[in-house]
Amino acid sequence: MFTDEFQRLQQAAYRGDETLIDQYGATEPAEFFAVVTETFFEQPAQMASQHAALFAELKGYYKVDPRDWL
């Protein structure tokens, strides 16, 4: 799932599409993880809506739901 999301971000960046996830994350997998983590904590509702599977994985990984904090 992370690989698919990473590839979708790369494709969107290549096309010049706007994305919720910072396109710097398209440069390499480590940066992808960093920017999706940032998005998870800073824009959780939008991420849950636009990238539900990715949000669910990060929620399980970090064992928190940042939507509860807003």
C-alpha atoms as a PDB file:
ATOM      1  CA  MET A   1       0.000   0.000   0.000  1.00  0.00           C
ATOM      2  CA  PHE A   2       2.847   2.410   0.807  1.00  0.00           C
ATOM      3  CA  THR A   3       4.484   1.592  -2.523  1.00  0.00           C
ATOM      4  CA  ASP A   4       1.242   2.232  -4.409  1.00  0.00           C
ATOM      5  CA  GLU A   5       0.706   5.568  -2.630  1.00  0.00           C
ATOM      6  CA  PHE A   6       4.331   6.543  -3.274  1.00  0.00           C
ATOM      7  CA  GLN A   7       3.962   5.764  -6.970  1.00  0.00           C
ATOM      8  CA  ARG A   8       0.682   7.716  -7.174  1.00  0.00           C
ATOM      9  CA  LEU A   9       2.403  10.720  -5.614  1.00  0.00           C
ATOM     10  CA  GLN A  10       5.262  10.417  -8.095  1.00  0.00           C
ATOM     11  CA  GLN A  11       2.812  10.313 -10.991  1.00  0.00           C
ATOM     12  CA  ALA A  12       0.850  13.302  -9.670  1.00  0.00           C
ATOM     13  CA  ALA A  13       4.073  15.274  -9.199  1.00  0.00           C
ATOM     14  CA  TYR A  14       5.179  14.418 -12.727  1.00  0.00           C
ATOM     15  CA  ARG A  15       1.832  15.601 -14.129  1.00  0.00           C
ATOM     16  CA  GLY A  16       1.930  18.751 -12.008  1.00  0.00           C
ATOM     17  CA  ASP A  17      -1.271  17.874 -10.155  1.00  0.00           C
ATOM     18  CA  GLU A  18      -2.017  19.415  -6.771  1.00  0.00           C
ATOM     19  CA  THR A  19      -1.705  16.940  -3.923  1.00  0.00           C
ATOM     20  CA  LEU A  20      -2.477  16.912  -0.225  1.00  0.00           C
ATOM     21  CA  ILE A  21       0.828  15.175   0.419  1.00  0.00           C
ATOM     22  CA  ASP A  22       3.877  17.389  -0.155  1.00  0.00           C
ATOM     23  CA  GLN A  23       5.406  16.400  -3.468  1.00  0.00           C
ATOM     24  CA  TYR A  24       8.880  16.386  -1.949  1.00  0.00           C
ATOM     25  CA  GLY A  25       7.791  12.963  -0.744  1.00  0.00           C
ATOM     26  CA  ALA A  26       7.928  11.757  -4.348  1.00  0.00           C
ATOM     27  CA  THR A  27      11.720  12.027  -4.384  1.00  0.00           C
ATOM     28  CA  GLU A  28      12.393   8.797  -2.473  1.00  0.00           C
ATOM     29  CA  PRO A  29      10.637   6.363  -0.110  1.00  0.00           C
ATOM     30  CA  ALA A  30      12.253   7.744   3.059  1.00  0.00           C
ATOM     31  CA  GLU A  31      11.056  11.252   2.242  1.00  0.00           C
ATOM     32  CA  PHE A  32       7.635   9.866   1.388  1.00  0.00           C
ATOM     33  CA  PHE A  33       7.358   8.382   4.874  1.00  0.00           C
ATOM     34  CA  ALA A  34       8.440  11.684   6.421  1.00  0.00           C
ATOM     35  CA  VAL A  35       5.932  13.818   4.526  1.00  0.00           C
ATOM     36  CA  VAL A  36       3.013  11.416   4.986  1.00  0.00           C
ATOM     37  CA  THR A  37       3.754  11.396   8.709  1.00  0.00           C
ATOM     38  CA  GLU A  38       3.685  15.195   8.687  1.00  0.00           C
ATOM     39  CA  THR A  39       0.391  15.189   6.787  1.00  0.00           C
ATOM     40  CA  PHE A  40      -1.043  12.573   9.152  1.00  0.00           C
ATOM     41  CA  PHE A  41      -0.445  14.799  12.156  1.00  0.00           C
ATOM     42  CA  GLU A  42      -1.104  18.211  10.595  1.00  0.00           C
ATOM     43  CA  GLN A  43      -4.054  17.456   8.310  1.00  0.00           C
ATOM     44  CA  PRO A  44      -5.591  14.253   9.642  1.00  0.00           C
ATOM     45  CA  ALA A  45      -9.186  14.809   8.476  1.00  0.00           C
ATOM     46  CA  GLN A  46      -8.110  15.589   4.929  1.00  0.00           C
ATOM     47  CA  MET A  47      -5.754  12.619   4.844  1.00  0.00           C
ATOM     48  CA  ALA A  48      -8.420  10.270   6.201  1.00  0.00           C
ATOM     49  CA  SER A  49     -10.754  11.479   3.476  1.00  0.00           C
ATOM     50  CA  GLN A  50      -8.335  11.473   0.532  1.00  0.00           C
ATOM     51  CA  HIS A  51      -5.967   8.648   1.505  1.00  0.00           C
ATOM     52  CA  ALA A  52      -8.032   6.383   3.780  1.00  0.00           C
ATOM     53  CA  ALA A  53      -5.829   3.287   3.575  1.00  0.00           C
ATOM     54  CA  LEU A  54      -2.656   5.263   4.179  1.00  0.00           C
ATOM     55  CA  PHE A  55      -4.271   7.067   7.095  1.00  0.00           C
ATOM     56  CA  ALA A  56      -5.377   3.747   8.610  1.00  0.00           C
ATOM     57  CA  GLU A  57      -1.848   2.322   8.339  1.00  0.00           C
ATOM     58  CA  LEU A  58      -0.304   5.360  10.015  1.00  0.00           C
ATOM     59  CA  LYS A  59      -2.991   5.354  12.695  1.00  0.00           C
ATOM     60  CA  GLY A  60      -2.083   1.753  13.492  1.00  0.00           C
ATOM     61  CA  TYR A  61       1.637   2.461  13.357  1.00  0.00           C
ATOM     62  CA  TYR A  62       1.534   5.492  15.658  1.00  0.00           C
ATOM     63  CA  LYS A  63      -1.357   4.123  17.754  1.00  0.00           C
ATOM     64  CA  VAL A  64      -3.089   7.515  17.786  1.00  0.00           C
ATOM     65  CA  ASP A  65      -5.780   9.293  15.804  1.00  0.00           C
ATOM     66  CA  PRO A  66      -4.839  12.971  15.547  1.00  0.00           C
ATOM     67  CA  ARG A  67      -8.418  13.806  14.549  1.00  0.00           C
ATOM     68  CA  ASP A  68      -9.250  13.311  18.231  1.00  0.00           C
ATOM     69  CA  TRP A  69      -7.024  16.271  19.121  1.00  0.00           C
ATOM     70  CA  LEU A  70      -8.843  18.803  16.964  1.00  0.00           C
END
